[in-house]
Amino acid sequence: MLEALILAAVAGAGYADAPWWSALLGAVAVTLSAWWRKVHLLRQHPRVSFSTKMTAYLVVSIVINLGFALGSYLAGRLLRGWLDG
């Protein structure tokens, strides 16, 4: 739910004609919210080391979250252009 709220805020930023880097902040926020629980579980017993597989998942999730954030930002910009006509 938090990720959807963050992406809606990014779309709102696009609608409000905020700078493009606000989409990057949204991608960082979505990634942190998704990985916060995973990293927290690594510190509990039994401890599991951070593997190359988890590193690959992290990198792929960063790229996907960046795509979602940029898509939300562009959707907000397009909505503003469509409504302003």
PDB file of N, CA and C in Angstrom:
ATOM      1  N   MET A   1       0.808  -1.187   0.000  1.00  0.00           N
ATOM      2  CA  MET A   1       0.000   0.000   0.000  1.00  0.00           C
ATOM      3  C   MET A   1       0.860   1.262   0.000  1.00  0.00           C
ATOM      4  N   LEU A   2       1.961   1.215   0.746  1.00  0.00           N
ATOM      5  CA  LEU A   2       2.818   2.389   0.827  1.00  0.00           C
ATOM      6  C   LEU A   2       3.418   2.720  -0.535  1.00  0.00           C
ATOM      7  N   GLU A   3       3.774   1.689  -1.299  1.00  0.00           N
ATOM      8  CA  GLU A   3       4.356   1.922  -2.614  1.00  0.00           C
ATOM      9  C   GLU A   3       3.360   2.623  -3.542  1.00  0.00           C
ATOM     10  N   ALA A   4       2.089   2.217  -3.482  1.00  0.00           N
ATOM     11  CA  ALA A   4       1.065   2.851  -4.313  1.00  0.00           C
ATOM     12  C   ALA A   4       0.873   4.313  -3.915  1.00  0.00           C
ATOM     13  N   LEU A   5       0.936   4.584  -2.623  1.00  0.00           N
ATOM     14  CA  LEU A   5       0.807   5.963  -2.149  1.00  0.00           C
ATOM     15  C   LEU A   5       1.982   6.818  -2.625  1.00  0.00           C
ATOM     16  N   ILE A   6       3.176   6.263  -2.594  1.00  0.00           N
ATOM     17  CA  ILE A   6       4.357   6.992  -3.051  1.00  0.00           C
ATOM     18  C   ILE A   6       4.262   7.271  -4.550  1.00  0.00           C
ATOM     19  N   LEU A   7       3.816   6.273  -5.333  1.00  0.00           N
ATOM     20  CA  LEU A   7       3.697   6.481  -6.771  1.00  0.00           C
ATOM     21  C   LEU A   7       2.596   7.492  -7.098  1.00  0.00           C
ATOM     22  N   ALA A   8       1.536   7.526  -6.299  1.00  0.00           N
ATOM     23  CA  ALA A   8       0.498   8.545  -6.489  1.00  0.00           C
ATOM     24  C   ALA A   8       1.056   9.937  -6.188  1.00  0.00           C
ATOM     25  N   ALA A   9       1.918  10.020  -5.178  1.00  0.00           N
ATOM     26  CA  ALA A   9       2.552  11.307  -4.870  1.00  0.00           C
ATOM     27  C   ALA A   9       3.481  11.741  -5.994  1.00  0.00           C
ATOM     28  N   VAL A  10       4.165  10.793  -6.608  1.00  0.00           N
ATOM     29  CA  VAL A  10       5.039  11.119  -7.740  1.00  0.00           C
ATOM     30  C   VAL A  10       4.203  11.592  -8.925  1.00  0.00           C
ATOM     31  N   ALA A  11       3.062  10.947  -9.156  1.00  0.00           N
ATOM     32  CA  ALA A  11       2.165  11.400 -10.226  1.00  0.00           C
ATOM     33  C   ALA A  11       1.653  12.805  -9.918  1.00  0.00           C
ATOM     34  N   GLY A  12       1.365  13.076  -8.650  1.00  0.00           N
ATOM     35  CA  GLY A  12       0.959  14.425  -8.254  1.00  0.00           C
ATOM     36  C   GLY A  12       2.064  15.432  -8.473  1.00  0.00           C
ATOM     37  N   ALA A  13       3.293  15.006  -8.245  1.00  0.00           N
ATOM     38  CA  ALA A  13       4.424  15.903  -8.498  1.00  0.00           C
ATOM     39  C   ALA A  13       4.556  16.195  -9.987  1.00  0.00           C
ATOM     40  N   GLY A  14       4.312  15.196 -10.814  1.00  0.00           N
ATOM     41  CA  GLY A  14       4.330  15.425 -12.257  1.00  0.00           C
ATOM     42  C   GLY A  14       3.218  16.355 -12.681  1.00  0.00           C
ATOM     43  N   TYR A  15       2.053  16.205 -12.086  1.00  0.00           N
ATOM     44  CA  TYR A  15       0.928  17.080 -12.392  1.00  0.00           C
ATOM     45  C   TYR A  15       1.210  18.517 -11.957  1.00  0.00           C
ATOM     46  N   ALA A  16       1.915  18.663 -10.834  1.00  0.00           N
ATOM     47  CA  ALA A  16       2.237  19.993 -10.306  1.00  0.00           C
ATOM     48  C   ALA A  16       3.448  20.611 -10.997  1.00  0.00           C
ATOM     49  N   ASP A  17       3.974  19.928 -12.024  1.00  0.00           N
ATOM     50  CA  ASP A  17       5.118  20.419 -12.800  1.00  0.00           C
ATOM     51  C   ASP A  17       6.365  20.560 -11.933  1.00  0.00           C
ATOM     52  N   ALA A  18       6.563  19.598 -11.039  1.00  0.00           N
ATOM     53  CA  ALA A  18       7.767  19.559 -10.208  1.00  0.00           C
ATOM     54  C   ALA A  18       8.957  19.149 -11.081  1.00  0.00           C
ATOM     55  N   PRO A  19      10.185  19.368 -10.605  1.00  0.00           N
ATOM     56  CA  PRO A  19      11.362  18.970 -11.386  1.00  0.00           C
ATOM     57  C   PRO A  19      11.391  17.452 -11.612  1.00  0.00           C
ATOM     58  N   TRP A  20      12.077  17.033 -12.666  1.00  0.00           N
ATOM     59  CA  TRP A  20      12.107  15.622 -13.035  1.00  0.00           C
ATOM     60  C   TRP A  20      12.755  14.747 -11.972  1.00  0.00           C
ATOM     61  N   TRP A  21      13.656  15.322 -11.177  1.00  0.00           N
ATOM     62  CA  TRP A  21      14.354  14.511 -10.180  1.00  0.00           C
ATOM     63  C   TRP A  21      13.435  14.114  -9.030  1.00  0.00           C
ATOM     64  N   SER A  22      12.240  14.667  -8.954  1.00  0.00           N
ATOM     65  CA  SER A  22      11.295  14.200  -7.936  1.00  0.00           C
ATOM     66  C   SER A  22      10.881  12.761  -8.215  1.00  0.00           C
ATOM     67  N   ALA A  23      10.928  12.346  -9.484  1.00  0.00           N
ATOM     68  CA  ALA A  23      10.667  10.942  -9.817  1.00  0.00           C
ATOM     69  C   ALA A  23      11.774  10.054  -9.255  1.00  0.00           C
ATOM     70  N   LEU A  24      13.006  10.552  -9.256  1.00  0.00           N
ATOM     71  CA  LEU A  24      14.111   9.779  -8.666  1.00  0.00           C
ATOM     72  C   LEU A  24      13.925   9.617  -7.158  1.00  0.00           C
ATOM     73  N   LEU A  25      13.474  10.678  -6.504  1.00  0.00           N
ATOM     74  CA  LEU A  25      13.206  10.579  -5.069  1.00  0.00           C
ATOM     75  C   LEU A  25      12.095   9.573  -4.792  1.00  0.00           C
ATOM     76  N   GLY A  26      11.095   9.554  -5.655  1.00  0.00           N
ATOM     77  CA  GLY A  26      10.025   8.575  -5.515  1.00  0.00           C
ATOM     78  C   GLY A  26      10.526   7.159  -5.689  1.00  0.00           C
ATOM     79  N   ALA A  27      11.419   6.944  -6.648  1.00  0.00           N
ATOM     80  CA  ALA A  27      11.984   5.611  -6.859  1.00  0.00           C
ATOM     81  C   ALA A  27      12.800   5.166  -5.649  1.00  0.00           C
ATOM     82  N   VAL A  28      13.542   6.088  -5.070  1.00  0.00           N
ATOM     83  CA  VAL A  28      14.318   5.768  -3.862  1.00  0.00           C
ATOM     84  C   VAL A  28      13.375   5.420  -2.711  1.00  0.00           C
ATOM     85  N   ALA A  29      12.298   6.180  -2.566  1.00  0.00           N
ATOM     86  CA  ALA A  29      11.347   5.927  -1.477  1.00  0.00           C
ATOM     87  C   ALA A  29      10.652   4.580  -1.653  1.00  0.00           C
ATOM     88  N   VAL A  30      10.278   4.236  -2.885  1.00  0.00           N
ATOM     89  CA  VAL A  30       9.633   2.945  -3.131  1.00  0.00           C
ATOM     90  C   VAL A  30      10.599   1.804  -2.854  1.00  0.00           C
ATOM     91  N   THR A  31      11.842   1.944  -3.281  1.00  0.00           N
ATOM     92  CA  THR A  31      12.839   0.904  -3.050  1.00  0.00           C
ATOM     93  C   THR A  31      13.109   0.725  -1.562  1.00  0.00           C
ATOM     94  N   LEU A  32      13.246   1.827  -0.837  1.00  0.00           N
ATOM     95  CA  LEU A  32      13.479   1.721   0.605  1.00  0.00           C
ATOM     96  C   LEU A  32      12.300   1.096   1.330  1.00  0.00           C
ATOM     97  N   SER A  33      11.099   1.450   0.931  1.00  0.00           N
ATOM     98  CA  SER A  33       9.935   0.883   1.614  1.00  0.00           C
ATOM     99  C   SER A  33       9.818  -0.611   1.341  1.00  0.00           C
ATOM    100  N   ALA A  34      10.184  -1.046   0.146  1.00  0.00           N
ATOM    101  CA  ALA A  34      10.087  -2.465  -0.184  1.00  0.00           C
ATOM    102  C   ALA A  34      11.208  -3.280   0.451  1.00  0.00           C
ATOM    103  N   TRP A  35      12.400  -2.717   0.522  1.00  0.00           N
ATOM    104  CA  TRP A  35      13.540  -3.481   1.025  1.00  0.00           C
ATOM    105  C   TRP A  35      13.767  -3.330   2.524  1.00  0.00           C
ATOM    106  N   TRP A  36      13.072  -2.431   3.158  1.00  0.00           N
ATOM    107  CA  TRP A  36      13.274  -2.226   4.583  1.00  0.00           C
ATOM    108  C   TRP A  36      12.995  -3.502   5.364  1.00  0.00           C
ATOM    109  N   ARG A  37      11.888  -4.171   5.053  1.00  0.00           N
ATOM    110  CA  ARG A  37      11.520  -5.394   5.759  1.00  0.00           C
ATOM    111  C   ARG A  37      12.500  -6.521   5.449  1.00  0.00           C
ATOM    112  N   LYS A  38      12.938  -6.625   4.189  1.00  0.00           N
ATOM    113  CA  LYS A  38      13.863  -7.691   3.813  1.00  0.00           C
ATOM    114  C   LYS A  38      15.199  -7.557   4.542  1.00  0.00           C
ATOM    115  N   VAL A  39      15.701  -6.335   4.608  1.00  0.00           N
ATOM    116  CA  VAL A  39      16.984  -6.121   5.288  1.00  0.00           C
ATOM    117  C   VAL A  39      16.827  -6.331   6.789  1.00  0.00           C
ATOM    118  N   HIS A  40      15.689  -5.943   7.333  1.00  0.00           N
ATOM    119  CA  HIS A  40      15.439  -6.149   8.760  1.00  0.00           C
ATOM    120  C   HIS A  40      15.410  -7.639   9.092  1.00  0.00           C
ATOM    121  N   LEU A  41      14.860  -8.463   8.207  1.00  0.00           N
ATOM    122  CA  LEU A  41      14.820  -9.903   8.453  1.00  0.00           C
ATOM    123  C   LEU A  41      16.205 -10.537   8.403  1.00  0.00           C
ATOM    124  N   LEU A  42      17.133  -9.917   7.676  1.00  0.00           N
ATOM    125  CA  LEU A  42      18.492 -10.456   7.611  1.00  0.00           C
ATOM    126  C   LEU A  42      19.208 -10.357   8.955  1.00  0.00           C
ATOM    127  N   ARG A  43      18.784  -9.428   9.795  1.00  0.00           N
ATOM    128  CA  ARG A  43      19.466  -9.228  11.067  1.00  0.00           C
ATOM    129  C   ARG A  43      18.928 -10.138  12.171  1.00  0.00           C
ATOM    130  N   GLN A  44      17.833 -10.845  11.897  1.00  0.00           N
ATOM    131  CA  GLN A  44      17.240 -11.713  12.905  1.00  0.00           C
ATOM    132  C   GLN A  44      17.839 -13.109  12.824  1.00  0.00           C
ATOM    133  N   HIS A  45      17.627 -13.871  13.880  1.00  0.00           N
ATOM    134  CA  HIS A  45      18.122 -15.242  13.937  1.00  0.00           C
ATOM    135  C   HIS A  45      17.227 -16.134  13.103  1.00  0.00           C
ATOM    136  N   PRO A  46      17.653 -17.038  12.331  1.00  0.00           N
ATOM    137  CA  PRO A  46      19.033 -17.327  11.951  1.00  0.00           C
ATOM    138  C   PRO A  46      19.526 -16.330  10.905  1.00  0.00           C
ATOM    139  N   ARG A  47      20.737 -15.911  11.074  1.00  0.00           N
ATOM    140  CA  ARG A  47      21.301 -14.910  10.174  1.00  0.00           C
ATOM    141  C   ARG A  47      21.628 -15.531   8.824  1.00  0.00           C
ATOM    142  N   VAL A  48      21.307 -14.770   7.803  1.00  0.00           N
ATOM    143  CA  VAL A  48      21.589 -15.175   6.427  1.00  0.00           C
ATOM    144  C   VAL A  48      22.444 -14.087   5.816  1.00  0.00           C
ATOM    145  N   SER A  49      23.493 -14.489   5.139  1.00  0.00           N
ATOM    146  CA  SER A  49      24.373 -13.490   4.540  1.00  0.00           C
ATOM    147  C   SER A  49      23.733 -12.913   3.277  1.00  0.00           C
ATOM    148  N   PHE A  50      24.134 -11.704   2.943  1.00  0.00           N
ATOM    149  CA  PHE A  50      23.636 -11.029   1.751  1.00  0.00           C
ATOM    150  C   PHE A  50      24.322 -11.663   0.551  1.00  0.00           C
ATOM    151  N   SER A  51      23.586 -12.402  -0.270  1.00  0.00           N
ATOM    152  CA  SER A  51      24.163 -13.180  -1.357  1.00  0.00           C
ATOM    153  C   SER A  51      24.157 -12.396  -2.671  1.00  0.00           C
ATOM    154  N   THR A  52      24.801 -12.973  -3.674  1.00  0.00           N
ATOM    155  CA  THR A  52      24.802 -12.349  -4.998  1.00  0.00           C
ATOM    156  C   THR A  52      23.408 -12.401  -5.608  1.00  0.00           C
ATOM    157  N   LYS A  53      22.632 -13.408  -5.250  1.00  0.00           N
ATOM    158  CA  LYS A  53      21.255 -13.490  -5.736  1.00  0.00           C
ATOM    159  C   LYS A  53      20.434 -12.325  -5.190  1.00  0.00           C
ATOM    160  N   MET A  54      20.613 -12.012  -3.918  1.00  0.00           N
ATOM    161  CA  MET A  54      19.894 -10.876  -3.324  1.00  0.00           C
ATOM    162  C   MET A  54      20.382  -9.564  -3.917  1.00  0.00           C
ATOM    163  N   THR A  55      21.658  -9.478  -4.238  1.00  0.00           N
ATOM    164  CA  THR A  55      22.185  -8.279  -4.879  1.00  0.00           C
ATOM    165  C   THR A  55      21.552  -8.085  -6.256  1.00  0.00           C
ATOM    166  N   ALA A  56      21.408  -9.179  -6.995  1.00  0.00           N
ATOM    167  CA  ALA A  56      20.762  -9.097  -8.305  1.00  0.00           C
ATOM    168  C   ALA A  56      19.305  -8.665  -8.154  1.00  0.00           C
ATOM    169  N   TYR A  57      18.603  -9.211  -7.160  1.00  0.00           N
ATOM    170  CA  TYR A  57      17.220  -8.803  -6.913  1.00  0.00           C
ATOM    171  C   TYR A  57      17.135  -7.321  -6.559  1.00  0.00           C
ATOM    172  N   LEU A  58      18.084  -6.838  -5.785  1.00  0.00           N
ATOM    173  CA  LEU A  58      18.097  -5.430  -5.400  1.00  0.00           C
ATOM    174  C   LEU A  58      18.298  -4.532  -6.617  1.00  0.00           C
ATOM    175  N   VAL A  59      19.242  -4.874  -7.454  1.00  0.00           N
ATOM    176  CA  VAL A  59      19.529  -4.059  -8.638  1.00  0.00           C
ATOM    177  C   VAL A  59      18.331  -4.064  -9.590  1.00  0.00           C
ATOM    178  N   VAL A  60      17.736  -5.232  -9.796  1.00  0.00           N
ATOM    179  CA  VAL A  60      16.580  -5.317 -10.680  1.00  0.00           C
ATOM    180  C   VAL A  60      15.404  -4.542 -10.102  1.00  0.00           C
ATOM    181  N   SER A  61      15.201  -4.614  -8.791  1.00  0.00           N
ATOM    182  CA  SER A  61      14.093  -3.874  -8.183  1.00  0.00           C
ATOM    183  C   SER A  61      14.317  -2.365  -8.266  1.00  0.00           C
ATOM    184  N   ILE A  62      15.552  -1.922  -8.182  1.00  0.00           N
ATOM    185  CA  ILE A  62      15.842  -0.492  -8.345  1.00  0.00           C
ATOM    186  C   ILE A  62      15.473  -0.037  -9.752  1.00  0.00           C
ATOM    187  N   VAL A  63      15.833  -0.821 -10.752  1.00  0.00           N
ATOM    188  CA  VAL A  63      15.517  -0.469 -12.141  1.00  0.00           C
ATOM    189  C   VAL A  63      14.003  -0.469 -12.363  1.00  0.00           C
ATOM    190  N   ILE A  64      13.311  -1.480 -11.834  1.00  0.00           N
ATOM    191  CA  ILE A  64      11.857  -1.553 -12.001  1.00  0.00           C
ATOM    192  C   ILE A  64      11.176  -0.395 -11.278  1.00  0.00           C
ATOM    193  N   ASN A  65      11.603  -0.098 -10.057  1.00  0.00           N
ATOM    194  CA  ASN A  65      11.005   1.010  -9.308  1.00  0.00           C
ATOM    195  C   ASN A  65      11.271   2.350  -9.986  1.00  0.00           C
ATOM    196  N   LEU A  66      12.427   2.500 -10.591  1.00  0.00           N
ATOM    197  CA  LEU A  66      12.723   3.718 -11.351  1.00  0.00           C
ATOM    198  C   LEU A  66      11.784   3.842 -12.542  1.00  0.00           C
ATOM    199  N   GLY A  67      11.522   2.732 -13.207  1.00  0.00           N
ATOM    200  CA  GLY A  67      10.581   2.745 -14.323  1.00  0.00           C
ATOM    201  C   GLY A  67       9.172   3.098 -13.885  1.00  0.00           C
ATOM    202  N   PHE A  68       8.722   2.526 -12.762  1.00  0.00           N
ATOM    203  CA  PHE A  68       7.392   2.854 -12.253  1.00  0.00           C
ATOM    204  C   PHE A  68       7.298   4.324 -11.842  1.00  0.00           C
ATOM    205  N   ALA A  69       8.333   4.832 -11.192  1.00  0.00           N
ATOM    206  CA  ALA A  69       8.309   6.228 -10.749  1.00  0.00           C
ATOM    207  C   ALA A  69       8.317   7.172 -11.942  1.00  0.00           C
ATOM    208  N   LEU A  70       9.144   6.897 -12.936  1.00  0.00           N
ATOM    209  CA  LEU A  70       9.161   7.751 -14.129  1.00  0.00           C
ATOM    210  C   LEU A  70       7.844   7.662 -14.887  1.00  0.00           C
ATOM    211  N   GLY A  71       7.266   6.465 -14.944  1.00  0.00           N
ATOM    212  CA  GLY A  71       5.962   6.314 -15.584  1.00  0.00           C
ATOM    213  C   GLY A  71       4.873   7.087 -14.857  1.00  0.00           C
ATOM    214  N   SER A  72       4.908   7.064 -13.534  1.00  0.00           N
ATOM    215  CA  SER A  72       3.926   7.822 -12.755  1.00  0.00           C
ATOM    216  C   SER A  72       4.116   9.319 -12.953  1.00  0.00           C
ATOM    217  N   TYR A  73       5.359   9.748 -12.961  1.00  0.00           N
ATOM    218  CA  TYR A  73       5.644  11.164 -13.178  1.00  0.00           C
ATOM    219  C   TYR A  73       5.146  11.619 -14.552  1.00  0.00           C
ATOM    220  N   LEU A  74       5.443  10.826 -15.577  1.00  0.00           N
ATOM    221  CA  LEU A  74       5.002  11.174 -16.925  1.00  0.00           C
ATOM    222  C   LEU A  74       3.486  11.121 -17.046  1.00  0.00           C
ATOM    223  N   ALA A  75       2.837  10.202 -16.342  1.00  0.00           N
ATOM    224  CA  ALA A  75       1.375  10.154 -16.360  1.00  0.00           C
ATOM    225  C   ALA A  75       0.792  11.426 -15.754  1.00  0.00           C
ATOM    226  N   GLY A  76       1.397  11.919 -14.693  1.00  0.00           N
ATOM    227  CA  GLY A  76       0.947  13.177 -14.110  1.00  0.00           C
ATOM    228  C   GLY A  76       1.146  14.346 -15.055  1.00  0.00           C
ATOM    229  N   ARG A  77       2.273  14.370 -15.743  1.00  0.00           N
ATOM    230  CA  ARG A  77       2.535  15.441 -16.712  1.00  0.00           C
ATOM    231  C   ARG A  77       1.558  15.382 -17.887  1.00  0.00           C
ATOM    232  N   LEU A  78       1.287  14.154 -18.367  1.00  0.00           N
ATOM    233  CA  LEU A  78       0.349  13.999 -19.466  1.00  0.00           C
ATOM    234  C   LEU A  78      -1.062  14.381 -19.050  1.00  0.00           C
ATOM    235  N   LEU A  79      -1.450  14.042 -17.843  1.00  0.00           N
ATOM    236  CA  LEU A  79      -2.771  14.410 -17.349  1.00  0.00           C
ATOM    237  C   LEU A  79      -2.926  15.927 -17.265  1.00  0.00           C
ATOM    238  N   ARG A  80      -1.878  16.587 -16.813  1.00  0.00           N
ATOM    239  CA  ARG A  80      -1.934  18.058 -16.754  1.00  0.00           C
ATOM    240  C   ARG A  80      -2.054  18.649 -18.155  1.00  0.00           C
ATOM    241  N   GLY A  81      -1.271  18.139 -19.090  1.00  0.00           N
ATOM    242  CA  GLY A  81      -1.357  18.632 -20.464  1.00  0.00           C
ATOM    243  C   GLY A  81      -2.708  18.355 -21.097  1.00  0.00           C
ATOM    244  N   TRP A  82      -3.282  17.201 -20.777  1.00  0.00           N
ATOM    245  CA  TRP A  82      -4.590  16.851 -21.325  1.00  0.00           C
ATOM    246  C   TRP A  82      -5.691  17.717 -20.735  1.00  0.00           C
ATOM    247  N   LEU A  83      -5.621  17.984 -19.429  1.00  0.00           N
ATOM    248  CA  LEU A  83      -6.655  18.792 -18.788  1.00  0.00           C
ATOM    249  C   LEU A  83      -6.529  20.275 -19.113  1.00  0.00           C
ATOM    250  N   ASP A  84      -5.290  20.733 -19.315  1.00  0.00           N
ATOM    251  CA  ASP A  84      -5.102  22.140 -19.696  1.00  0.00           C
ATOM    252  C   ASP A  84      -5.478  22.389 -21.142  1.00  0.00           C
ATOM    253  N   GLY A  85      -5.429  21.310 -21.930  1.00  0.00           N
ATOM    254  CA  GLY A  85      -5.875  21.334 -23.302  1.00  0.00           C
ATOM    255  C   GLY A  85      -5.194  22.248 -24.199  1.00  0.00           C
TER     256      GLY A  85
END
